[in-house]
Each structure stands twice: as structure tokens, then as C-alpha cells.
Protein backbone atom coordinates (compact mmCIF):
# COMPACT_ATOMS: atom_id res chain seq x y z
CA MET A 1 25.40 53.14 -17.24
CA PHE A 2 23.61 50.12 -15.97
CA ARG A 3 23.87 48.44 -19.35
CA LYS A 4 27.55 49.03 -19.40
CA PHE A 5 28.37 47.28 -16.27
CA VAL A 6 25.67 44.74 -15.83
CA VAL A 7 24.24 43.60 -19.40
CA MET A 8 27.47 43.62 -21.20
CA PRO A 9 29.27 41.20 -18.98
CA LEU A 10 26.23 38.92 -18.77
CA LEU A 11 26.11 38.98 -22.63
CA VAL A 12 29.72 38.25 -23.16
CA LEU A 13 29.40 35.23 -20.39
CA SER A 14 26.37 33.80 -22.15
CA LEU A 15 28.36 33.85 -25.47
CA VAL A 16 31.69 32.38 -24.05
CA PHE A 17 30.08 29.67 -22.11
CA PRO A 18 27.07 28.58 -24.19
CA GLY A 19 25.69 25.79 -22.04
CA PHE A 20 26.36 24.30 -18.72
CA SER A 21 23.63 21.79 -18.83
CA GLY A 22 24.31 18.24 -18.01
CA PRO A 23 24.04 15.44 -20.21
CA ALA A 24 20.51 14.05 -20.88
CA MET A 25 20.20 10.16 -20.70
CA ALA A 26 17.41 8.38 -22.28
CA GLY A 27 16.79 4.79 -22.98
CA VAL A 28 14.08 2.24 -24.15
CA ILE A 29 12.48 0.20 -21.52
CA THR A 30 11.83 -3.42 -22.45
CA THR A 31 8.43 -5.02 -22.70
CA GLN A 32 9.52 -7.14 -19.44
CA ASP A 33 10.19 -4.03 -17.68
CA ALA A 34 6.83 -2.54 -18.44
CA LEU A 35 4.97 -5.85 -17.66
CA SER A 36 6.97 -6.11 -14.23
CA ALA A 37 5.92 -2.57 -13.53
CA GLU A 38 2.14 -3.36 -14.15
CA VAL A 39 2.39 -6.70 -12.21
CA ARG A 40 3.80 -4.84 -9.29
CA ALA A 41 1.16 -2.24 -9.16
CA ALA A 42 -1.58 -4.91 -9.34
CA ARG A 43 0.27 -6.53 -6.32
CA GLU A 44 0.32 -3.38 -4.50
CA THR A 45 -3.45 -2.73 -5.06
CA GLN A 46 -4.37 -6.03 -3.98
CA VAL A 47 -2.41 -5.72 -0.62
CA ARG A 48 -3.46 -2.29 -0.23
CA GLY A 49 -7.17 -3.61 -0.59
CA ALA A 50 -6.61 -6.00 2.18
CA PHE A 51 -5.22 -3.41 4.48
CA ALA A 52 -8.09 -0.94 3.60
CA ARG A 53 -10.54 -3.36 5.53
CA GLU A 54 -11.68 -1.67 8.82
CA ASP A 55 -11.11 -5.00 10.87
CA VAL A 56 -7.39 -5.14 9.61
CA ARG A 57 -6.87 -1.64 10.53
CA GLN A 58 -8.45 -2.04 14.03
CA ALA A 59 -6.19 -5.11 14.64
CA MET A 60 -3.18 -3.19 13.45
CA GLN A 61 -3.94 -0.25 15.74
CA GLN A 62 -4.27 -2.73 18.71
CA MET A 63 -0.83 -4.09 17.88
CA GLY A 64 0.51 -0.49 17.89
CA VAL A 65 1.08 -0.30 14.31
CA ASP A 66 -0.06 2.96 12.53
CA PRO A 67 -1.92 1.90 9.43
CA GLY A 68 -0.79 4.90 7.46
CA ASP A 69 3.00 3.74 8.31
CA ALA A 70 2.00 0.27 7.02
CA GLU A 71 0.60 1.70 3.89
CA GLY A 72 3.59 3.73 3.32
CA ARG A 73 5.70 0.72 3.90
CA ILE A 74 3.89 -1.24 1.11
CA ALA A 75 5.46 1.19 -1.56
CA SER A 76 8.93 0.36 -0.33
CA LEU A 77 8.71 -3.32 -0.15
CA SER A 78 10.96 -5.17 -2.61
CA ASP A 79 9.46 -7.43 -5.19
CA ALA A 80 10.15 -10.57 -3.42
CA GLU A 81 8.71 -9.29 -0.12
CA LEU A 82 5.58 -8.16 -1.98
CA ILE A 83 5.16 -11.32 -3.76
CA GLN A 84 5.55 -13.35 -0.41
CA LEU A 85 2.93 -10.93 1.41
CA GLN A 86 0.50 -11.33 -1.63
CA GLY A 87 0.85 -15.04 -1.56
CA GLN A 88 0.10 -15.20 2.27
CA LEU A 89 -2.99 -12.93 1.49
CA ASP A 90 -4.14 -15.26 -1.24
CA ARG A 91 -3.93 -18.45 1.00
CA LEU A 92 -6.15 -16.59 3.62
CA PRO A 93 -9.77 -17.88 3.83
CA ALA A 94 -12.42 -15.49 2.98
CA GLY A 95 -13.66 -13.81 6.06
CA GLY A 96 -12.76 -15.47 9.49
CA ASP A 97 -9.53 -14.31 11.30
CA GLY A 98 -7.52 -13.83 8.15
CA GLY A 99 -7.15 -10.21 9.05
CA LEU A 100 -5.12 -10.91 12.17
CA VAL A 101 -2.96 -13.11 10.14
CA VAL A 102 -2.16 -10.34 7.66
CA VAL A 103 -1.69 -8.12 10.58
CA GLY A 104 0.84 -10.47 12.12
CA ILE A 105 2.60 -10.79 9.00
CA VAL A 106 2.88 -7.14 8.50
CA PHE A 107 3.98 -6.62 12.13
CA VAL A 108 6.76 -9.35 11.76
CA VAL A 109 7.98 -7.81 8.54
CA LEU A 110 8.12 -4.25 10.24
CA LEU A 111 9.69 -5.62 13.21
CA ILE A 112 12.50 -7.25 11.08
CA LEU A 113 13.10 -4.01 9.22
CA GLU A 114 13.27 -2.16 12.36
CA LEU A 115 15.74 -4.35 13.93
CA VAL A 116 17.85 -4.28 10.79
CA GLY A 117 17.55 -0.46 10.88
CA VAL A 118 15.76 -0.11 7.50
CA ILE A 119 12.80 1.77 9.04
CA ASN A 120 12.21 3.59 12.16
CA ILE A 121 8.51 3.00 12.99
CA PHE A 122 8.47 1.67 16.40
CA ASN A 123 10.52 4.57 18.06
CA ARG A 124 7.26 5.84 19.77
CA ILE A 125 6.62 2.79 21.64
């Protein structure tokens, strides 16, 4: 009885409508695309390394920026923003108060993105 009312209609439907899968799209990436992905990953690693320093984290917390939010924001930066931030990090002197400058730059970028409405980090303040 079960076979007659359930299995047979399912079998008929599977034979009448053989596939409802969507089209699969595939493409070849160019060498330039692959290199740009590697360069971006290297830039992100360098910026994350600067943010991983304890003095930078403390300065960010003093300004009211959660270091975890800033780390998450690094991944969503555009290539131009990431290049700009990396360039400013490269120009900083080793040691000294460079961490505060980095924190200031991050704070300004986050503030601008908050005012434009792209992110919503400062709602707790």
C-alpha cells in the first residue's frame, strides 16, 4: 500500500523532471588576479601584525575602539584603504609613539565609515 501511494509518484516525478539543479559557472582566474590576492593577504598580515602589538591594543581600548572590531574591519577594507593604511604603517618610526598614530588612523577610518553608515561600531558609546 505504501509503495503504491508514495513510492510510485516519487518515481514518476523523478523521471519526468530529471533535474532542477541550477547552472554551474566556472572560470579561469588570471595570473594578475592570483597575484593581487596574494599581495592583499600579505598586506593584511602586515597590518594585523601591527594591531597585534599590546601597546596598540591598549591605545585602541583607551580610545573606545574594541580591538576585535578593528581586526574584523581589516578584512572588509578596500584595496585602496588597505594600501593607504599599510603605507602609513611603513612610514612610522620603529618604536616610539607610532602605535598611537596607527590607532588614530584606524579610529579616523572607523569614524568616517560609521558616519557614512557602512559600519555600526560606535553605537555603544
